[in-house]
């Protein structure tokens, strides 16, 4: 793939654009400003909720299309909602009726709050400022179960694998799923995926996936990485993802500004 063909930059947030402190470095901000000035289209695609993600990408200080909740929402650079898709209430209710290990934290992403089975300090730490607040609820008492996505977390990855298998026994036709991190299992409507949402933006802006360079570190990035003209896996990504996509290059980690350093070298090569 020739550098000259790349016109669109797509990046995940956690584990990719964000360092371990859940922040974007000043160096990364400077690189993205340079690419904006050269008229590259920039898209951030994340599993985070849009309220949470918007507070983060504002620090980039460049116009960004925002894909959130793994593709369930698309916002324009002007923060206009362009696309929205929720999981229906009955579908969520049928999953929560399953016998879920109480040690697993269960979360429903709603529009303005995330409803959770219990307070989880590790989840709260992902937000420097709690702009998207948690609400502890008894899921057996809700009237409306509709949600942007369902989210389950536990330190034991195998517990989440077992839960995934249990859910998919009777719901494989309803949901797509992904491990954004080994400790984070997410379920969305079957029609929702980062790559599908990105395709909508590319059509709107007149680009193709061949003109895309994308960066990610999780299984919710898998399709987005595969279809890009250049797909790049972060050095800190799980080994299982690297092994699943062996044809893709692995770059430096998020704590080493891997995205920005690759792009900086990319633009240097382009200008030679």
C-alpha atoms as a PDB file:
ATOM      1  CA  UNK A   1       0.000   0.000   0.000  1.00  0.00           C
ATOM      2  CA  UNK A   2       1.449   3.347  -1.063  1.00  0.00           C
ATOM      3  CA  UNK A   3       1.544   6.096   1.568  1.00  0.00           C
ATOM      4  CA  UNK A   4       0.146   8.476  -1.039  1.00  0.00           C
ATOM      5  CA  UNK A   5      -3.158   6.583  -1.035  1.00  0.00           C
ATOM      6  CA  UNK A   6      -3.820   7.049   2.673  1.00  0.00           C
ATOM      7  CA  UNK A   7      -6.274   9.875   3.378  1.00  0.00           C
ATOM      8  CA  UNK A   8      -8.017   8.674   6.561  1.00  0.00           C
ATOM      9  CA  UNK A   9      -6.625   7.979  10.048  1.00  0.00           C
ATOM     10  CA  UNK A  10      -8.651   5.787  12.405  1.00  0.00           C
ATOM     11  CA  UNK A  11      -7.689   5.039  15.983  1.00  0.00           C
ATOM     12  CA  UNK A  12      -9.132   3.213  18.944  1.00  0.00           C
ATOM     13  CA  UNK A  13      -8.848   4.970  22.327  1.00  0.00           C
ATOM     14  CA  UNK A  14      -8.050   2.707  25.292  1.00  0.00           C
ATOM     15  CA  UNK A  15      -4.801   0.837  24.847  1.00  0.00           C
ATOM     16  CA  UNK A  16      -4.166   2.677  21.589  1.00  0.00           C
ATOM     17  CA  UNK A  17      -4.408   6.485  21.557  1.00  0.00           C
ATOM     18  CA  UNK A  18      -4.612   6.648  25.355  1.00  0.00           C
ATOM     19  CA  UNK A  19      -1.704   5.736  27.612  1.00  0.00           C
ATOM     20  CA  UNK A  20      -2.068   3.775  30.852  1.00  0.00           C
ATOM     21  CA  UNK A  21      -3.163   6.963  32.618  1.00  0.00           C
ATOM     22  CA  UNK A  22      -6.135   7.111  30.189  1.00  0.00           C
ATOM     23  CA  UNK A  23      -4.760  10.316  28.670  1.00  0.00           C
ATOM     24  CA  UNK A  24      -3.513  11.520  25.265  1.00  0.00           C
ATOM     25  CA  UNK A  25       0.101  12.708  25.392  1.00  0.00           C
ATOM     26  CA  UNK A  26       1.132  16.168  24.205  1.00  0.00           C
ATOM     27  CA  UNK A  27       3.300  14.534  21.550  1.00  0.00           C
ATOM     28  CA  UNK A  28       0.343  12.601  20.159  1.00  0.00           C
ATOM     29  CA  UNK A  29      -1.763  15.778  20.114  1.00  0.00           C
ATOM     30  CA  UNK A  30       0.912  17.605  18.111  1.00  0.00           C
ATOM     31  CA  UNK A  31       1.115  14.808  15.529  1.00  0.00           C
ATOM     32  CA  UNK A  32      -2.653  14.716  15.039  1.00  0.00           C
ATOM     33  CA  UNK A  33      -2.750  18.494  14.605  1.00  0.00           C
ATOM     34  CA  UNK A  34      -0.134  18.145  11.867  1.00  0.00           C
ATOM     35  CA  UNK A  35      -2.197  15.528  10.040  1.00  0.00           C
ATOM     36  CA  UNK A  36      -5.340  17.647  10.361  1.00  0.00           C
ATOM     37  CA  UNK A  37      -3.477  20.578   8.822  1.00  0.00           C
ATOM     38  CA  UNK A  38      -2.609  18.307   5.883  1.00  0.00           C
ATOM     39  CA  UNK A  39      -6.346  17.565   5.414  1.00  0.00           C
ATOM     40  CA  UNK A  40      -6.441  13.960   6.598  1.00  0.00           C
ATOM     41  CA  UNK A  41      -9.842  12.777   7.804  1.00  0.00           C
ATOM     42  CA  UNK A  42      -9.588  11.631  11.434  1.00  0.00           C
ATOM     43  CA  UNK A  43     -11.923   9.095  13.037  1.00  0.00           C
ATOM     44  CA  UNK A  44     -11.793   7.841  16.617  1.00  0.00           C
ATOM     45  CA  UNK A  45     -13.566   4.505  17.109  1.00  0.00           C
ATOM     46  CA  UNK A  46     -14.018   3.254  20.659  1.00  0.00           C
ATOM     47  CA  UNK A  47     -16.065   1.009  22.871  1.00  0.00           C
ATOM     48  CA  UNK A  48     -16.568   3.920  25.248  1.00  0.00           C
ATOM     49  CA  UNK A  49     -19.845   5.797  25.561  1.00  0.00           C
ATOM     50  CA  UNK A  50     -20.015   9.014  23.533  1.00  0.00           C
ATOM     51  CA  UNK A  51     -20.288  11.332  26.559  1.00  0.00           C
ATOM     52  CA  UNK A  52     -17.130   9.831  28.026  1.00  0.00           C
ATOM     53  CA  UNK A  53     -15.266   9.744  24.694  1.00  0.00           C
ATOM     54  CA  UNK A  54     -16.160  13.318  23.713  1.00  0.00           C
ATOM     55  CA  UNK A  55     -14.553  14.631  26.888  1.00  0.00           C
ATOM     56  CA  UNK A  56     -11.335  12.855  25.879  1.00  0.00           C
ATOM     57  CA  UNK A  57     -11.106  13.749  22.198  1.00  0.00           C
ATOM     58  CA  UNK A  58     -11.705  17.439  22.892  1.00  0.00           C
ATOM     59  CA  UNK A  59      -8.098  17.516  24.065  1.00  0.00           C
ATOM     60  CA  UNK A  60      -6.936  16.650  20.538  1.00  0.00           C
ATOM     61  CA  UNK A  61      -8.162  20.088  19.431  1.00  0.00           C
ATOM     62  CA  UNK A  62      -8.851  18.860  15.892  1.00  0.00           C
ATOM     63  CA  UNK A  63     -12.158  17.927  14.188  1.00  0.00           C
ATOM     64  CA  UNK A  64     -12.852  14.233  14.709  1.00  0.00           C
ATOM     65  CA  UNK A  65     -15.614  11.869  13.662  1.00  0.00           C
ATOM     66  CA  UNK A  66     -16.492   9.808  16.714  1.00  0.00           C
ATOM     67  CA  UNK A  67     -17.658   6.185  16.606  1.00  0.00           C
ATOM     68  CA  UNK A  68     -18.655   4.992  20.086  1.00  0.00           C
ATOM     69  CA  UNK A  69     -20.050   1.925  21.863  1.00  0.00           C
ATOM     70  CA  UNK A  70     -18.318  -0.186  19.191  1.00  0.00           C
ATOM     71  CA  UNK A  71     -20.407   1.364  16.419  1.00  0.00           C
ATOM     72  CA  UNK A  72     -23.786   1.965  18.064  1.00  0.00           C
ATOM     73  CA  UNK A  73     -23.332   5.739  17.825  1.00  0.00           C
ATOM     74  CA  UNK A  74     -21.712   8.067  15.271  1.00  0.00           C
ATOM     75  CA  UNK A  75     -21.147  11.765  15.951  1.00  0.00           C
ATOM     76  CA  UNK A  76     -19.868  14.334  13.480  1.00  0.00           C
ATOM     77  CA  UNK A  77     -16.901  16.625  14.209  1.00  0.00           C
ATOM     78  CA  UNK A  78     -19.556  19.192  15.185  1.00  0.00           C
ATOM     79  CA  UNK A  79     -20.936  16.697  17.790  1.00  0.00           C
ATOM     80  CA  UNK A  80     -24.089  16.122  15.741  1.00  0.00           C
ATOM     81  CA  UNK A  81     -25.581  12.641  16.215  1.00  0.00           C
ATOM     82  CA  UNK A  82     -25.522  10.954  12.800  1.00  0.00           C
ATOM     83  CA  UNK A  83     -26.391   7.356  13.684  1.00  0.00           C
ATOM     84  CA  UNK A  84     -27.887   5.588  16.687  1.00  0.00           C
ATOM     85  CA  UNK A  85     -28.830   1.983  17.400  1.00  0.00           C
ATOM     86  CA  UNK A  86     -29.901   0.392  20.694  1.00  0.00           C
ATOM     87  CA  UNK A  87     -30.436  -3.193  21.812  1.00  0.00           C
ATOM     88  CA  UNK A  88     -34.137  -3.810  22.355  1.00  0.00           C
ATOM     89  CA  UNK A  89     -35.388  -4.099  25.933  1.00  0.00           C
ATOM     90  CA  UNK A  90     -36.664  -7.689  25.652  1.00  0.00           C
ATOM     91  CA  UNK A  91     -33.352  -8.909  24.235  1.00  0.00           C
ATOM     92  CA  UNK A  92     -31.393  -7.416  27.134  1.00  0.00           C
ATOM     93  CA  UNK A  93     -33.921  -8.690  29.677  1.00  0.00           C
ATOM     94  CA  UNK A  94     -33.593 -12.235  28.364  1.00  0.00           C
ATOM     95  CA  UNK A  95     -29.804 -12.120  28.833  1.00  0.00           C
ATOM     96  CA  UNK A  96     -30.017 -10.714  32.355  1.00  0.00           C
ATOM     97  CA  UNK A  97     -32.421 -13.516  33.254  1.00  0.00           C
ATOM     98  CA  UNK A  98     -29.505 -15.938  32.833  1.00  0.00           C
ATOM     99  CA  UNK A  99     -27.771 -17.049  36.022  1.00  0.00           C
ATOM    100  CA  UNK A 100     -24.780 -14.679  35.931  1.00  0.00           C
ATOM    101  CA  UNK A 101     -21.970 -15.154  38.463  1.00  0.00           C
ATOM    102  CA  UNK A 102     -22.489 -12.334  41.016  1.00  0.00           C
ATOM    103  CA  UNK A 103     -18.721 -11.731  41.055  1.00  0.00           C
ATOM    104  CA  UNK A 104     -19.028 -10.432  37.491  1.00  0.00           C
ATOM    105  CA  UNK A 105     -19.874  -6.737  37.194  1.00  0.00           C
ATOM    106  CA  UNK A 106     -22.814  -6.278  34.827  1.00  0.00           C
ATOM    107  CA  UNK A 107     -23.331  -2.921  33.098  1.00  0.00           C
ATOM    108  CA  UNK A 108     -25.923  -1.461  30.743  1.00  0.00           C
ATOM    109  CA  UNK A 109     -24.805   1.575  28.725  1.00  0.00           C
ATOM    110  CA  UNK A 110     -27.721   4.011  28.699  1.00  0.00           C
ATOM    111  CA  UNK A 111     -27.868   7.431  27.081  1.00  0.00           C
ATOM    112  CA  UNK A 112     -26.891   9.535  30.091  1.00  0.00           C
ATOM    113  CA  UNK A 113     -25.818   7.002  32.765  1.00  0.00           C
ATOM    114  CA  UNK A 114     -24.413   3.504  32.953  1.00  0.00           C
ATOM    115  CA  UNK A 115     -26.420   1.173  35.108  1.00  0.00           C
ATOM    116  CA  UNK A 116     -24.290  -1.308  37.027  1.00  0.00           C
ATOM    117  CA  UNK A 117     -24.780  -4.227  39.373  1.00  0.00           C
ATOM    118  CA  UNK A 118     -22.137  -2.801  41.727  1.00  0.00           C
ATOM    119  CA  UNK A 119     -19.513  -0.099  42.010  1.00  0.00           C
ATOM    120  CA  UNK A 120     -16.302  -1.162  40.290  1.00  0.00           C
ATOM    121  CA  UNK A 121     -13.341   1.092  41.094  1.00  0.00           C
ATOM    122  CA  UNK A 122     -11.315  -0.225  38.146  1.00  0.00           C
ATOM    123  CA  UNK A 123     -14.083   0.802  35.725  1.00  0.00           C
ATOM    124  CA  UNK A 124     -14.393   4.224  37.335  1.00  0.00           C
ATOM    125  CA  UNK A 125     -10.646   4.730  36.899  1.00  0.00           C
ATOM    126  CA  UNK A 126     -11.119   4.764  33.107  1.00  0.00           C
ATOM    127  CA  UNK A 127     -12.689   8.217  33.504  1.00  0.00           C
ATOM    128  CA  UNK A 128     -10.444  10.953  34.854  1.00  0.00           C
ATOM    129  CA  UNK A 129     -13.554  13.088  35.345  1.00  0.00           C
ATOM    130  CA  UNK A 130     -16.761  11.188  35.973  1.00  0.00           C
ATOM    131  CA  UNK A 131     -18.702  12.809  33.120  1.00  0.00           C
ATOM    132  CA  UNK A 132     -20.621   9.590  32.440  1.00  0.00           C
ATOM    133  CA  UNK A 133     -21.730   8.527  35.943  1.00  0.00           C
ATOM    134  CA  UNK A 134     -22.587   5.040  37.208  1.00  0.00           C
ATOM    135  CA  UNK A 135     -25.928   4.174  38.769  1.00  0.00           C
ATOM    136  CA  UNK A 136     -26.132   1.036  40.914  1.00  0.00           C
ATOM    137  CA  UNK A 137     -29.397  -0.788  40.212  1.00  0.00           C
ATOM    138  CA  UNK A 138     -31.161  -4.062  40.878  1.00  0.00           C
ATOM    139  CA  UNK A 139     -31.528  -5.394  37.335  1.00  0.00           C
ATOM    140  CA  UNK A 140     -34.492  -7.560  38.345  1.00  0.00           C
ATOM    141  CA  UNK A 141     -36.596  -4.451  39.014  1.00  0.00           C
ATOM    142  CA  UNK A 142     -36.089  -2.374  35.826  1.00  0.00           C
ATOM    143  CA  UNK A 143     -38.993  -1.403  33.568  1.00  0.00           C
ATOM    144  CA  UNK A 144     -36.847  -0.528  30.548  1.00  0.00           C
ATOM    145  CA  UNK A 145     -33.864  -2.706  29.662  1.00  0.00           C
ATOM    146  CA  UNK A 146     -33.063  -1.101  26.304  1.00  0.00           C
ATOM    147  CA  UNK A 147     -29.373  -0.194  26.101  1.00  0.00           C
ATOM    148  CA  UNK A 148     -26.637   0.953  23.776  1.00  0.00           C
ATOM    149  CA  UNK A 149     -24.618  -2.100  24.793  1.00  0.00           C
ATOM    150  CA  UNK A 150     -24.206  -4.693  27.544  1.00  0.00           C
ATOM    151  CA  UNK A 151     -20.883  -4.923  29.331  1.00  0.00           C
ATOM    152  CA  UNK A 152     -19.441  -7.527  31.706  1.00  0.00           C
ATOM    153  CA  UNK A 153     -16.126  -7.368  33.531  1.00  0.00           C
ATOM    154  CA  UNK A 154     -14.103  -9.657  35.794  1.00  0.00           C
ATOM    155  CA  UNK A 155     -10.401 -10.159  36.441  1.00  0.00           C
ATOM    156  CA  UNK A 156     -10.712 -13.832  35.465  1.00  0.00           C
ATOM    157  CA  UNK A 157     -10.919 -13.967  31.669  1.00  0.00           C
ATOM    158  CA  UNK A 158     -12.194 -17.543  31.671  1.00  0.00           C
ATOM    159  CA  UNK A 159     -15.245 -16.539  33.705  1.00  0.00           C
ATOM    160  CA  UNK A 160     -16.133 -14.097  30.912  1.00  0.00           C
ATOM    161  CA  UNK A 161     -15.507 -16.717  28.227  1.00  0.00           C
ATOM    162  CA  UNK A 162     -17.896 -19.054  30.034  1.00  0.00           C
ATOM    163  CA  UNK A 163     -20.493 -16.276  30.281  1.00  0.00           C
ATOM    164  CA  UNK A 164     -20.092 -15.460  26.587  1.00  0.00           C
ATOM    165  CA  UNK A 165     -20.733 -19.084  25.656  1.00  0.00           C
ATOM    166  CA  UNK A 166     -23.766 -19.234  27.938  1.00  0.00           C
ATOM    167  CA  UNK A 167     -25.273 -16.078  26.396  1.00  0.00           C
ATOM    168  CA  UNK A 168     -24.626 -17.180  22.832  1.00  0.00           C
ATOM    169  CA  UNK A 169     -26.307 -20.564  23.371  1.00  0.00           C
ATOM    170  CA  UNK A 170     -29.702 -18.935  22.787  1.00  0.00           C
ATOM    171  CA  UNK A 171     -28.807 -15.434  21.550  1.00  0.00           C
ATOM    172  CA  UNK A 172     -26.266 -15.893  18.755  1.00  0.00           C
ATOM    173  CA  UNK A 173     -28.716 -14.460  16.209  1.00  0.00           C
ATOM    174  CA  UNK A 174     -29.296 -11.297  18.278  1.00  0.00           C
ATOM    175  CA  UNK A 175     -25.884 -10.023  19.290  1.00  0.00           C
ATOM    176  CA  UNK A 176     -22.378  -9.289  18.155  1.00  0.00           C
ATOM    177  CA  UNK A 177     -19.771  -9.494  20.895  1.00  0.00           C
ATOM    178  CA  UNK A 178     -16.135  -8.602  21.529  1.00  0.00           C
ATOM    179  CA  UNK A 179     -13.475  -8.598  24.204  1.00  0.00           C
ATOM    180  CA  UNK A 180     -12.260  -4.989  24.183  1.00  0.00           C
ATOM    181  CA  UNK A 181      -9.830  -6.159  26.875  1.00  0.00           C
ATOM    182  CA  UNK A 182      -9.379  -9.671  28.287  1.00  0.00           C
ATOM    183  CA  UNK A 183     -11.319  -8.470  31.371  1.00  0.00           C
ATOM    184  CA  UNK A 184     -14.066  -6.714  29.373  1.00  0.00           C
ATOM    185  CA  UNK A 185     -16.797  -8.577  27.459  1.00  0.00           C
ATOM    186  CA  UNK A 186     -19.220  -6.476  25.414  1.00  0.00           C
ATOM    187  CA  UNK A 187     -22.456  -7.318  23.589  1.00  0.00           C
ATOM    188  CA  UNK A 188     -24.087  -5.111  20.948  1.00  0.00           C
ATOM    189  CA  UNK A 189     -26.913  -5.563  18.474  1.00  0.00           C
ATOM    190  CA  UNK A 190     -25.955  -7.945  15.665  1.00  0.00           C
ATOM    191  CA  UNK A 191     -25.833  -5.048  13.188  1.00  0.00           C
ATOM    192  CA  UNK A 192     -23.293  -3.075  15.243  1.00  0.00           C
ATOM    193  CA  UNK A 193     -19.529  -3.115  14.626  1.00  0.00           C
ATOM    194  CA  UNK A 194     -16.877  -0.403  14.442  1.00  0.00           C
ATOM    195  CA  UNK A 195     -16.155  -1.271  10.805  1.00  0.00           C
ATOM    196  CA  UNK A 196     -19.825  -0.904   9.809  1.00  0.00           C
ATOM    197  CA  UNK A 197     -20.058   2.529  11.408  1.00  0.00           C
ATOM    198  CA  UNK A 198     -16.763   3.585   9.829  1.00  0.00           C
ATOM    199  CA  UNK A 199     -18.049   2.504   6.408  1.00  0.00           C
ATOM    200  CA  UNK A 200     -20.965   4.921   6.833  1.00  0.00           C
ATOM    201  CA  UNK A 201     -18.543   7.788   7.498  1.00  0.00           C
ATOM    202  CA  UNK A 202     -16.313   6.861   4.584  1.00  0.00           C
ATOM    203  CA  UNK A 203     -19.295   6.820   2.194  1.00  0.00           C
ATOM    204  CA  UNK A 204     -20.419  10.206   3.495  1.00  0.00           C
ATOM    205  CA  UNK A 205     -16.934  11.688   2.967  1.00  0.00           C
ATOM    206  CA  UNK A 206     -16.198   9.950  -0.347  1.00  0.00           C
ATOM    207  CA  UNK A 207     -13.398   7.644   0.792  1.00  0.00           C
ATOM    208  CA  UNK A 208     -12.805   3.888   0.692  1.00  0.00           C
ATOM    209  CA  UNK A 209     -11.172   1.499   3.166  1.00  0.00           C
ATOM    210  CA  UNK A 210      -8.168   1.309   0.831  1.00  0.00           C
ATOM    211  CA  UNK A 211      -7.421   4.913   1.837  1.00  0.00           C
ATOM    212  CA  UNK A 212      -7.507   4.111   5.571  1.00  0.00           C
ATOM    213  CA  UNK A 213      -4.770   3.549   8.124  1.00  0.00           C
ATOM    214  CA  UNK A 214      -6.158   2.131  11.372  1.00  0.00           C
ATOM    215  CA  UNK A 215      -4.757   1.402  14.842  1.00  0.00           C
ATOM    216  CA  UNK A 216      -6.176  -0.857  17.533  1.00  0.00           C
ATOM    217  CA  UNK A 217      -5.404  -3.219  20.377  1.00  0.00           C
ATOM    218  CA  UNK A 218      -8.597  -5.180  21.094  1.00  0.00           C
ATOM    219  CA  UNK A 219     -10.829  -7.799  19.533  1.00  0.00           C
ATOM    220  CA  UNK A 220     -13.467  -5.103  19.031  1.00  0.00           C
ATOM    221  CA  UNK A 221     -10.937  -3.571  16.580  1.00  0.00           C
ATOM    222  CA  UNK A 222     -10.436  -6.779  14.622  1.00  0.00           C
ATOM    223  CA  UNK A 223     -12.660  -6.105  11.599  1.00  0.00           C
ATOM    224  CA  UNK A 224     -11.618  -2.437  11.505  1.00  0.00           C
ATOM    225  CA  UNK A 225      -7.965  -3.503  11.285  1.00  0.00           C
ATOM    226  CA  UNK A 226      -8.588  -6.190   8.681  1.00  0.00           C
ATOM    227  CA  UNK A 227     -10.453  -4.038   6.164  1.00  0.00           C
ATOM    228  CA  UNK A 228      -8.124  -1.005   6.319  1.00  0.00           C
ATOM    229  CA  UNK A 229      -5.564  -0.325   3.627  1.00  0.00           C
ATOM    230  CA  UNK A 230      -3.038  -0.385   6.467  1.00  0.00           C
ATOM    231  CA  UNK A 231      -4.038  -2.045   9.749  1.00  0.00           C
ATOM    232  CA  UNK A 232      -1.662  -1.805  12.695  1.00  0.00           C
ATOM    233  CA  UNK A 233      -1.774  -3.657  16.005  1.00  0.00           C
ATOM    234  CA  UNK A 234      -0.459  -2.060  19.174  1.00  0.00           C
ATOM    235  CA  UNK A 235       2.471  -3.772  20.898  1.00  0.00           C
ATOM    236  CA  UNK A 236       0.421  -3.991  24.100  1.00  0.00           C
ATOM    237  CA  UNK A 237      -2.429  -5.877  22.376  1.00  0.00           C
ATOM    238  CA  UNK A 238      -3.225  -9.411  23.595  1.00  0.00           C
ATOM    239  CA  UNK A 239      -1.068 -12.108  22.007  1.00  0.00           C
ATOM    240  CA  UNK A 240      -4.248 -13.865  20.872  1.00  0.00           C
ATOM    241  CA  UNK A 241      -5.132 -10.875  18.678  1.00  0.00           C
ATOM    242  CA  UNK A 242      -1.622 -10.691  17.211  1.00  0.00           C
ATOM    243  CA  UNK A 243      -1.751 -14.419  16.470  1.00  0.00           C
ATOM    244  CA  UNK A 244      -5.197 -14.110  14.905  1.00  0.00           C
ATOM    245  CA  UNK A 245      -4.001 -11.347  12.554  1.00  0.00           C
ATOM    246  CA  UNK A 246      -0.414 -12.461  11.818  1.00  0.00           C
ATOM    247  CA  UNK A 247      -0.302 -10.577   8.505  1.00  0.00           C
ATOM    248  CA  UNK A 248      -0.643  -7.214  10.258  1.00  0.00           C
ATOM    249  CA  UNK A 249       2.318  -5.240  11.573  1.00  0.00           C
ATOM    250  CA  UNK A 250       2.741  -4.844  15.330  1.00  0.00           C
ATOM    251  CA  UNK A 251       3.970  -1.398  16.369  1.00  0.00           C
ATOM    252  CA  UNK A 252       5.090   0.239  19.628  1.00  0.00           C
ATOM    253  CA  UNK A 253       2.845   0.270  22.684  1.00  0.00           C
ATOM    254  CA  UNK A 254       0.349   2.924  23.756  1.00  0.00           C
ATOM    255  CA  UNK A 255       2.708   4.031  26.543  1.00  0.00           C
ATOM    256  CA  UNK A 256       5.416   4.613  23.928  1.00  0.00           C
ATOM    257  CA  UNK A 257       3.134   6.847  21.795  1.00  0.00           C
ATOM    258  CA  UNK A 258       3.006   4.053  19.235  1.00  0.00           C
ATOM    259  CA  UNK A 259       0.292   5.641  17.079  1.00  0.00           C
ATOM    260  CA  UNK A 260       1.905   9.070  16.935  1.00  0.00           C
ATOM    261  CA  UNK A 261       5.410   7.713  16.325  1.00  0.00           C
ATOM    262  CA  UNK A 262       4.196   5.520  13.475  1.00  0.00           C
ATOM    263  CA  UNK A 263       2.290   8.428  11.917  1.00  0.00           C
ATOM    264  CA  UNK A 264       5.245  10.774  12.333  1.00  0.00           C
ATOM    265  CA  UNK A 265       7.487   8.317  10.495  1.00  0.00           C
ATOM    266  CA  UNK A 266       4.719   7.749   7.949  1.00  0.00           C
ATOM    267  CA  UNK A 267       4.486  11.446   7.088  1.00  0.00           C
ATOM    268  CA  UNK A 268       8.298  11.748   6.986  1.00  0.00           C
ATOM    269  CA  UNK A 269       8.470   8.908   4.453  1.00  0.00           C
ATOM    270  CA  UNK A 270       5.662  10.501   2.465  1.00  0.00           C
ATOM    271  CA  UNK A 271       7.544  13.792   2.253  1.00  0.00           C
ATOM    272  CA  UNK A 272      10.880  12.274   1.242  1.00  0.00           C
END
